[in-house]
Amino acid sequence: GGSRITDDQINDLVSKLQQLLPELRERPSDKVS
């Protein structure tokens, strides 16, 4: 059932998480897995 999360949504959430982390925030242009 239920709704499915898309790869784009996962990528967006990961990007938002990255912006919240001081360790990774300084490197927004770097591609981080």
PDB file of all heavy atoms in Angstrom:
ATOM      1  N   GLY A   1       0.781  -1.243   0.000  1.00  0.00           N
ATOM      2  CA  GLY A   1       0.000   0.000   0.000  1.00  0.00           C
ATOM      3  C   GLY A   1       0.805   1.281   0.000  1.00  0.00           C
ATOM      4  O   GLY A   1       1.827   1.383  -0.624  1.00  0.00           O
ATOM      5  N   GLY A   2       0.291   2.270   0.674  1.00  0.00           N
ATOM      6  CA  GLY A   2       0.973   3.519   0.940  1.00  0.00           C
ATOM      7  C   GLY A   2       1.669   4.180  -0.230  1.00  0.00           C
ATOM      8  O   GLY A   2       1.769   3.643  -1.317  1.00  0.00           O
ATOM      9  N   SER A   3       2.145   5.357   0.001  1.00  0.00           N
ATOM     10  CA  SER A   3       2.847   6.095  -1.044  1.00  0.00           C
ATOM     11  C   SER A   3       4.302   5.658  -1.103  1.00  0.00           C
ATOM     12  O   SER A   3       4.876   5.215  -0.115  1.00  0.00           O
ATOM     13  CB  SER A   3       2.750   7.589  -0.766  1.00  0.00           C
ATOM     14  OG  SER A   3       3.381   7.891   0.450  1.00  0.00           O
ATOM     15  N   ARG A   4       4.877   5.800  -2.276  1.00  0.00           N
ATOM     16  CA  ARG A   4       6.278   5.424  -2.482  1.00  0.00           C
ATOM     17  C   ARG A   4       7.104   6.683  -2.592  1.00  0.00           C
ATOM     18  O   ARG A   4       6.659   7.675  -3.157  1.00  0.00           O
ATOM     19  CB  ARG A   4       6.426   4.589  -3.744  1.00  0.00           C
ATOM     20  CG  ARG A   4       5.726   3.273  -3.618  1.00  0.00           C
ATOM     21  CD  ARG A   4       6.080   2.383  -4.790  1.00  0.00           C
ATOM     22  NE  ARG A   4       5.283   1.187  -4.727  1.00  0.00           N
ATOM     23  CZ  ARG A   4       4.390   0.832  -5.620  1.00  0.00           C
ATOM     24  NH1 ARG A   4       4.188   1.566  -6.687  1.00  0.00           N
ATOM     25  NH2 ARG A   4       3.697  -0.268  -5.477  1.00  0.00           N
ATOM     26  N   ILE A   5       8.307   6.607  -2.088  1.00  0.00           N
ATOM     27  CA  ILE A   5       9.221   7.746  -2.185  1.00  0.00           C
ATOM     28  C   ILE A   5      10.080   7.549  -3.429  1.00  0.00           C
ATOM     29  O   ILE A   5      10.558   6.447  -3.704  1.00  0.00           O
ATOM     30  CB  ILE A   5      10.061   7.895  -0.904  1.00  0.00           C
ATOM     31  CG1 ILE A   5      10.845   9.191  -0.925  1.00  0.00           C
ATOM     32  CG2 ILE A   5      10.952   6.710  -0.674  1.00  0.00           C
ATOM     33  CD1 ILE A   5      11.385   9.604   0.414  1.00  0.00           C
ATOM     34  N   THR A   6      10.250   8.607  -4.182  1.00  0.00           N
ATOM     35  CA  THR A   6      11.011   8.513  -5.423  1.00  0.00           C
ATOM     36  C   THR A   6      12.492   8.776  -5.155  1.00  0.00           C
ATOM     37  O   THR A   6      12.864   9.315  -4.108  1.00  0.00           O
ATOM     38  CB  THR A   6      10.516   9.549  -6.449  1.00  0.00           C
ATOM     39  OG1 THR A   6      10.806  10.862  -5.947  1.00  0.00           O
ATOM     40  CG2 THR A   6       9.024   9.401  -6.717  1.00  0.00           C
ATOM     41  N   ASP A   7      13.326   8.409  -6.114  1.00  0.00           N
ATOM     42  CA  ASP A   7      14.763   8.675  -5.997  1.00  0.00           C
ATOM     43  C   ASP A   7      15.026  10.174  -5.895  1.00  0.00           C
ATOM     44  O   ASP A   7      15.911  10.602  -5.149  1.00  0.00           O
ATOM     45  CB  ASP A   7      15.527   8.088  -7.188  1.00  0.00           C
ATOM     46  CG  ASP A   7      15.621   6.572  -7.140  1.00  0.00           C
ATOM     47  OD1 ASP A   7      15.338   5.990  -6.073  1.00  0.00           O
ATOM     48  OD2 ASP A   7      16.002   5.975  -8.165  1.00  0.00           O
ATOM     49  N   ASP A   8      14.251  10.968  -6.617  1.00  0.00           N
ATOM     50  CA  ASP A   8      14.410  12.422  -6.537  1.00  0.00           C
ATOM     51  C   ASP A   8      14.096  12.946  -5.134  1.00  0.00           C
ATOM     52  O   ASP A   8      14.781  13.828  -4.623  1.00  0.00           O
ATOM     53  CB  ASP A   8      13.521  13.130  -7.554  1.00  0.00           C
ATOM     54  CG  ASP A   8      14.033  12.981  -8.982  1.00  0.00           C
ATOM     55  OD1 ASP A   8      15.237  12.676  -9.163  1.00  0.00           O
ATOM     56  OD2 ASP A   8      13.232  13.174  -9.918  1.00  0.00           O
ATOM     57  N   GLN A   9      13.065  12.383  -4.519  1.00  0.00           N
ATOM     58  CA  GLN A   9      12.717  12.804  -3.163  1.00  0.00           C
ATOM     59  C   GLN A   9      13.815  12.408  -2.181  1.00  0.00           C
ATOM     60  O   GLN A   9      14.159  13.189  -1.291  1.00  0.00           O
ATOM     61  CB  GLN A   9      11.385  12.181  -2.740  1.00  0.00           C
ATOM     62  CG  GLN A   9      10.194  12.770  -3.457  1.00  0.00           C
ATOM     63  CD  GLN A   9       8.920  11.994  -3.181  1.00  0.00           C
ATOM     64  OE1 GLN A   9       8.906  10.766  -3.202  1.00  0.00           O
ATOM     65  NE2 GLN A   9       7.844  12.715  -2.923  1.00  0.00           N
ATOM     66  N   ILE A  10      14.367  11.223  -2.350  1.00  0.00           N
ATOM     67  CA  ILE A  10      15.468  10.779  -1.488  1.00  0.00           C
ATOM     68  C   ILE A  10      16.666  11.708  -1.667  1.00  0.00           C
ATOM     69  O   ILE A  10      17.263  12.163  -0.685  1.00  0.00           O
ATOM     70  CB  ILE A  10      15.860   9.317  -1.790  1.00  0.00           C
ATOM     71  CG1 ILE A  10      14.748   8.377  -1.333  1.00  0.00           C
ATOM     72  CG2 ILE A  10      17.183   8.954  -1.122  1.00  0.00           C
ATOM     73  CD1 ILE A  10      14.924   6.943  -1.765  1.00  0.00           C
ATOM     74  N   ASN A  11      17.002  12.017  -2.906  1.00  0.00           N
ATOM     75  CA  ASN A  11      18.125  12.921  -3.167  1.00  0.00           C
ATOM     76  C   ASN A  11      17.891  14.295  -2.549  1.00  0.00           C
ATOM     77  O   ASN A  11      18.815  14.908  -2.007  1.00  0.00           O
ATOM     78  CB  ASN A  11      18.373  13.046  -4.666  1.00  0.00           C
ATOM     79  CG  ASN A  11      18.920  11.763  -5.266  1.00  0.00           C
ATOM     80  OD1 ASN A  11      19.526  10.947  -4.575  1.00  0.00           O
ATOM     81  ND2 ASN A  11      18.705  11.577  -6.557  1.00  0.00           N
ATOM     82  N   ASP A  12      16.661  14.773  -2.626  1.00  0.00           N
ATOM     83  CA  ASP A  12      16.328  16.071  -2.040  1.00  0.00           C
ATOM     84  C   ASP A  12      16.480  16.035  -0.519  1.00  0.00           C
ATOM     85  O   ASP A  12      17.043  16.960   0.080  1.00  0.00           O
ATOM     86  CB  ASP A  12      14.898  16.463  -2.430  1.00  0.00           C
ATOM     87  CG  ASP A  12      14.523  17.838  -1.947  1.00  0.00           C
ATOM     88  OD1 ASP A  12      15.309  18.788  -2.183  1.00  0.00           O
ATOM     89  OD2 ASP A  12      13.452  17.979  -1.334  1.00  0.00           O
ATOM     90  N   LEU A  13      16.005  14.967   0.107  1.00  0.00           N
ATOM     91  CA  LEU A  13      16.122  14.836   1.561  1.00  0.00           C
ATOM     92  C   LEU A  13      17.583  14.723   1.994  1.00  0.00           C
ATOM     93  O   LEU A  13      17.987  15.327   2.993  1.00  0.00           O
ATOM     94  CB  LEU A  13      15.321  13.619   2.048  1.00  0.00           C
ATOM     95  CG  LEU A  13      13.807  13.739   1.938  1.00  0.00           C
ATOM     96  CD1 LEU A  13      13.143  12.395   2.222  1.00  0.00           C
ATOM     97  CD2 LEU A  13      13.277  14.822   2.859  1.00  0.00           C
ATOM     98  N   VAL A  14      18.372  13.985   1.257  1.00  0.00           N
ATOM     99  CA  VAL A  14      19.795  13.843   1.567  1.00  0.00           C
ATOM    100  C   VAL A  14      20.490  15.198   1.432  1.00  0.00           C
ATOM    101  O   VAL A  14      21.319  15.577   2.265  1.00  0.00           O
ATOM    102  CB  VAL A  14      20.459  12.769   0.668  1.00  0.00           C
ATOM    103  CG1 VAL A  14      21.966  12.809   0.780  1.00  0.00           C
ATOM    104  CG2 VAL A  14      19.944  11.384   1.042  1.00  0.00           C
ATOM    105  N   SER A  15      20.128  15.947   0.410  1.00  0.00           N
ATOM    106  CA  SER A  15      20.697  17.281   0.216  1.00  0.00           C
ATOM    107  C   SER A  15      20.340  18.206   1.380  1.00  0.00           C
ATOM    108  O   SER A  15      21.180  18.967   1.866  1.00  0.00           O
ATOM    109  CB  SER A  15      20.190  17.854  -1.097  1.00  0.00           C
ATOM    110  OG  SER A  15      20.660  19.150  -1.283  1.00  0.00           O
ATOM    111  N   LYS A  16      19.104  18.138   1.839  1.00  0.00           N
ATOM    112  CA  LYS A  16      18.671  18.953   2.978  1.00  0.00           C
ATOM    113  C   LYS A  16      19.421  18.550   4.243  1.00  0.00           C
ATOM    114  O   LYS A  16      19.819  19.403   5.033  1.00  0.00           O
ATOM    115  CB  LYS A  16      17.165  18.829   3.181  1.00  0.00           C
ATOM    116  CG  LYS A  16      16.365  19.557   2.120  1.00  0.00           C
ATOM    117  CD  LYS A  16      14.882  19.355   2.303  1.00  0.00           C
ATOM    118  CE  LYS A  16      14.108  20.055   1.198  1.00  0.00           C
ATOM    119  NZ  LYS A  16      12.668  19.839   1.308  1.00  0.00           N
ATOM    120  N   LEU A  17      19.601  17.252   4.441  1.00  0.00           N
ATOM    121  CA  LEU A  17      20.381  16.777   5.592  1.00  0.00           C
ATOM    122  C   LEU A  17      21.807  17.308   5.534  1.00  0.00           C
ATOM    123  O   LEU A  17      22.364  17.747   6.541  1.00  0.00           O
ATOM    124  CB  LEU A  17      20.427  15.243   5.606  1.00  0.00           C
ATOM    125  CG  LEU A  17      19.456  14.487   6.466  1.00  0.00           C
ATOM    126  CD1 LEU A  17      19.686  12.991   6.325  1.00  0.00           C
ATOM    127  CD2 LEU A  17      19.502  14.914   7.903  1.00  0.00           C
ATOM    128  N   GLN A  18      22.384  17.269   4.367  1.00  0.00           N
ATOM    129  CA  GLN A  18      23.764  17.733   4.189  1.00  0.00           C
ATOM    130  C   GLN A  18      23.893  19.203   4.605  1.00  0.00           C
ATOM    131  O   GLN A  18      24.887  19.586   5.221  1.00  0.00           O
ATOM    132  CB  GLN A  18      24.212  17.551   2.740  1.00  0.00           C
ATOM    133  CG  GLN A  18      25.648  17.964   2.496  1.00  0.00           C
ATOM    134  CD  GLN A  18      26.100  17.702   1.067  1.00  0.00           C
ATOM    135  OE1 GLN A  18      25.387  17.080   0.287  1.00  0.00           O
ATOM    136  NE2 GLN A  18      27.269  18.183   0.727  1.00  0.00           N
ATOM    137  N   GLN A  19      22.884  19.999   4.302  1.00  0.00           N
ATOM    138  CA  GLN A  19      22.921  21.413   4.660  1.00  0.00           C
ATOM    139  C   GLN A  19      22.816  21.635   6.167  1.00  0.00           C
ATOM    140  O   GLN A  19      23.231  22.679   6.676  1.00  0.00           O
ATOM    141  CB  GLN A  19      21.792  22.167   3.951  1.00  0.00           C
ATOM    142  CG  GLN A  19      21.945  22.216   2.452  1.00  0.00           C
ATOM    143  CD  GLN A  19      23.260  22.825   2.020  1.00  0.00           C
ATOM    144  OE1 GLN A  19      23.642  23.888   2.484  1.00  0.00           O
ATOM    145  NE2 GLN A  19      23.980  22.139   1.148  1.00  0.00           N
ATOM    146  N   LEU A  20      22.281  20.660   6.883  1.00  0.00           N
ATOM    147  CA  LEU A  20      22.137  20.779   8.337  1.00  0.00           C
ATOM    148  C   LEU A  20      23.388  20.358   9.100  1.00  0.00           C
ATOM    149  O   LEU A  20      23.521  20.682  10.275  1.00  0.00           O
ATOM    150  CB  LEU A  20      20.954  19.921   8.817  1.00  0.00           C
ATOM    151  CG  LEU A  20      19.572  20.358   8.348  1.00  0.00           C
ATOM    152  CD1 LEU A  20      18.541  19.314   8.746  1.00  0.00           C
ATOM    153  CD2 LEU A  20      19.221  21.723   8.917  1.00  0.00           C
ATOM    154  N   LEU A  21      24.273  19.652   8.435  1.00  0.00           N
ATOM    155  CA  LEU A  21      25.456  19.117   9.113  1.00  0.00           C
ATOM    156  C   LEU A  21      26.648  20.060   8.983  1.00  0.00           C
ATOM    157  O   LEU A  21      27.106  20.322   7.878  1.00  0.00           O
ATOM    158  CB  LEU A  21      25.814  17.751   8.531  1.00  0.00           C
ATOM    159  CG  LEU A  21      24.739  16.675   8.673  1.00  0.00           C
ATOM    160  CD1 LEU A  21      25.114  15.452   7.862  1.00  0.00           C
ATOM    161  CD2 LEU A  21      24.529  16.333  10.128  1.00  0.00           C
ATOM    162  N   PRO A  22      27.152  20.562  10.111  1.00  0.00           N
ATOM    163  CA  PRO A  22      28.288  21.489  10.045  1.00  0.00           C
ATOM    164  C   PRO A  22      29.489  20.901   9.298  1.00  0.00           C
ATOM    165  O   PRO A  22      30.162  21.605   8.558  1.00  0.00           O
ATOM    166  CB  PRO A  22      28.639  21.734  11.512  1.00  0.00           C
ATOM    167  CG  PRO A  22      27.428  21.368  12.271  1.00  0.00           C
ATOM    168  CD  PRO A  22      26.725  20.315  11.468  1.00  0.00           C
ATOM    169  N   GLU A  23      29.725  19.634   9.466  1.00  0.00           N
ATOM    170  CA  GLU A  23      30.872  18.975   8.836  1.00  0.00           C
ATOM    171  C   GLU A  23      30.778  18.975   7.312  1.00  0.00           C
ATOM    172  O   GLU A  23      31.783  19.040   6.618  1.00  0.00           O
ATOM    173  CB  GLU A  23      30.964  17.529   9.352  1.00  0.00           C
ATOM    174  CG  GLU A  23      32.232  16.818   8.992  1.00  0.00           C
ATOM    175  CD  GLU A  23      33.443  17.336   9.740  1.00  0.00           C
ATOM    176  OE1 GLU A  23      33.268  17.899  10.841  1.00  0.00           O
ATOM    177  OE2 GLU A  23      34.552  17.169   9.225  1.00  0.00           O
ATOM    178  N   LEU A  24      29.561  18.915   6.792  1.00  0.00           N
ATOM    179  CA  LEU A  24      29.365  18.837   5.340  1.00  0.00           C
ATOM    180  C   LEU A  24      28.831  20.130   4.735  1.00  0.00           C
ATOM    181  O   LEU A  24      28.855  20.299   3.518  1.00  0.00           O
ATOM    182  CB  LEU A  24      28.410  17.684   5.012  1.00  0.00           C
ATOM    183  CG  LEU A  24      28.870  16.293   5.427  1.00  0.00           C
ATOM    184  CD1 LEU A  24      27.795  15.262   5.097  1.00  0.00           C
ATOM    185  CD2 LEU A  24      30.184  15.924   4.777  1.00  0.00           C
ATOM    186  N   ARG A  25      28.364  21.033   5.563  1.00  0.00           N
ATOM    187  CA  ARG A  25      27.759  22.272   5.067  1.00  0.00           C
ATOM    188  C   ARG A  25      28.766  23.125   4.301  1.00  0.00           C
ATOM    189  O   ARG A  25      28.410  23.785   3.340  1.00  0.00           O
ATOM    190  CB  ARG A  25      27.204  23.083   6.234  1.00  0.00           C
ATOM    191  CG  ARG A  25      26.366  24.250   5.802  1.00  0.00           C
ATOM    192  CD  ARG A  25      25.814  25.047   6.962  1.00  0.00           C
ATOM    193  NE  ARG A  25      25.297  24.200   8.004  1.00  0.00           N
ATOM    194  CZ  ARG A  25      25.439  24.451   9.306  1.00  0.00           C
ATOM    195  NH1 ARG A  25      26.058  25.533   9.708  1.00  0.00           N
ATOM    196  NH2 ARG A  25      24.936  23.642  10.207  1.00  0.00           N
ATOM    197  N   GLU A  26      30.024  23.089   4.737  1.00  0.00           N
ATOM    198  CA  GLU A  26      31.043  23.907   4.082  1.00  0.00           C
ATOM    199  C   GLU A  26      31.374  23.411   2.680  1.00  0.00           C
ATOM    200  O   GLU A  26      32.025  24.094   1.910  1.00  0.00           O
ATOM    201  CB  GLU A  26      32.336  23.928   4.915  1.00  0.00           C
ATOM    202  CG  GLU A  26      32.232  24.755   6.187  1.00  0.00           C
ATOM    203  CD  GLU A  26      31.679  23.974   7.367  1.00  0.00           C
ATOM    204  OE1 GLU A  26      32.052  22.796   7.536  1.00  0.00           O
ATOM    205  OE2 GLU A  26      30.872  24.545   8.121  1.00  0.00           O
ATOM    206  N   ARG A  27      30.939  22.202   2.336  1.00  0.00           N
ATOM    207  CA  ARG A  27      31.262  21.621   1.036  1.00  0.00           C
ATOM    208  C   ARG A  27      30.013  21.346   0.195  1.00  0.00           C
ATOM    209  O   ARG A  27      29.842  20.261  -0.322  1.00  0.00           O
ATOM    210  CB  ARG A  27      32.005  20.297   1.231  1.00  0.00           C
ATOM    211  CG  ARG A  27      33.222  20.396   2.094  1.00  0.00           C
ATOM    212  CD  ARG A  27      33.926  19.080   2.142  1.00  0.00           C
ATOM    213  NE  ARG A  27      33.270  18.188   3.093  1.00  0.00           N
ATOM    214  CZ  ARG A  27      33.640  16.937   3.286  1.00  0.00           C
ATOM    215  NH1 ARG A  27      34.608  16.425   2.573  1.00  0.00           N
ATOM    216  NH2 ARG A  27      33.032  16.189   4.160  1.00  0.00           N
ATOM    217  N   PRO A  28      29.116  22.315   0.050  1.00  0.00           N
ATOM    218  CA  PRO A  28      27.880  22.025  -0.677  1.00  0.00           C
ATOM    219  C   PRO A  28      28.090  21.703  -2.158  1.00  0.00           C
ATOM    220  O   PRO A  28      27.303  20.983  -2.749  1.00  0.00           O
ATOM    221  CB  PRO A  28      27.049  23.299  -0.518  1.00  0.00           C
ATOM    222  CG  PRO A  28      28.041  24.371  -0.256  1.00  0.00           C
ATOM    223  CD  PRO A  28      29.206  23.710   0.452  1.00  0.00           C
ATOM    224  N   SER A  29      29.160  22.230  -2.741  1.00  0.00           N
ATOM    225  CA  SER A  29      29.378  21.975  -4.163  1.00  0.00           C
ATOM    226  C   SER A  29      29.999  20.598  -4.406  1.00  0.00           C
ATOM    227  O   SER A  29      29.899  20.052  -5.490  1.00  0.00           O
ATOM    228  CB  SER A  29      30.267  23.056  -4.772  1.00  0.00           C
ATOM    229  OG  SER A  29      31.527  23.072  -4.114  1.00  0.00           O
ATOM    230  N   ASP A  30      30.659  20.063  -3.382  1.00  0.00           N
ATOM    231  CA  ASP A  30      31.243  18.730  -3.514  1.00  0.00           C
ATOM    232  C   ASP A  30      30.141  17.681  -3.554  1.00  0.00           C
ATOM    233  O   ASP A  30      29.151  17.778  -2.839  1.00  0.00           O
ATOM    234  CB  ASP A  30      32.169  18.406  -2.337  1.00  0.00           C
ATOM    235  CG  ASP A  30      33.435  19.243  -2.335  1.00  0.00           C
ATOM    236  OD1 ASP A  30      33.677  19.918  -3.350  1.00  0.00           O
ATOM    237  OD2 ASP A  30      34.159  19.215  -1.331  1.00  0.00           O
ATOM    238  N   LYS A  31      30.339  16.686  -4.370  1.00  0.00           N
ATOM    239  CA  LYS A  31      29.381  15.582  -4.429  1.00  0.00           C
ATOM    240  C   LYS A  31      29.700  14.627  -3.290  1.00  0.00           C
ATOM    241  O   LYS A  31      30.778  14.054  -3.224  1.00  0.00           O
ATOM    242  CB  LYS A  31      29.496  14.873  -5.790  1.00  0.00           C
ATOM    243  CG  LYS A  31      28.510  13.760  -5.968  1.00  0.00           C
ATOM    244  CD  LYS A  31      27.102  14.298  -6.053  1.00  0.00           C
ATOM    245  CE  LYS A  31      26.154  13.155  -6.315  1.00  0.00           C
ATOM    246  NZ  LYS A  31      24.794  13.479  -6.001  1.00  0.00           N
ATOM    247  N   VAL A  32      28.780  14.508  -2.353  1.00  0.00           N
ATOM    248  CA  VAL A  32      28.945  13.626  -1.201  1.00  0.00           C
ATOM    249  C   VAL A  32      27.897  12.531  -1.326  1.00  0.00           C
ATOM    250  O   VAL A  32      26.728  12.809  -1.601  1.00  0.00           O
ATOM    251  CB  VAL A  32      28.757  14.401   0.123  1.00  0.00           C
ATOM    252  CG1 VAL A  32      28.930  13.495   1.310  1.00  0.00           C
ATOM    253  CG2 VAL A  32      29.727  15.576   0.205  1.00  0.00           C
ATOM    254  N   SER A  33      28.313  11.306  -1.116  1.00  0.00           N
ATOM    255  CA  SER A  33      27.382  10.190  -1.264  1.00  0.00           C
ATOM    256  C   SER A  33      26.309  10.229  -0.177  1.00  0.00           C
ATOM    257  O   SER A  33      26.522  10.763   0.916  1.00  0.00           O
ATOM    258  CB  SER A  33      28.127   8.859  -1.206  1.00  0.00           C
ATOM    259  OG  SER A  33      28.605   8.613   0.108  1.00  0.00           O
TER     260      SER A  33
END
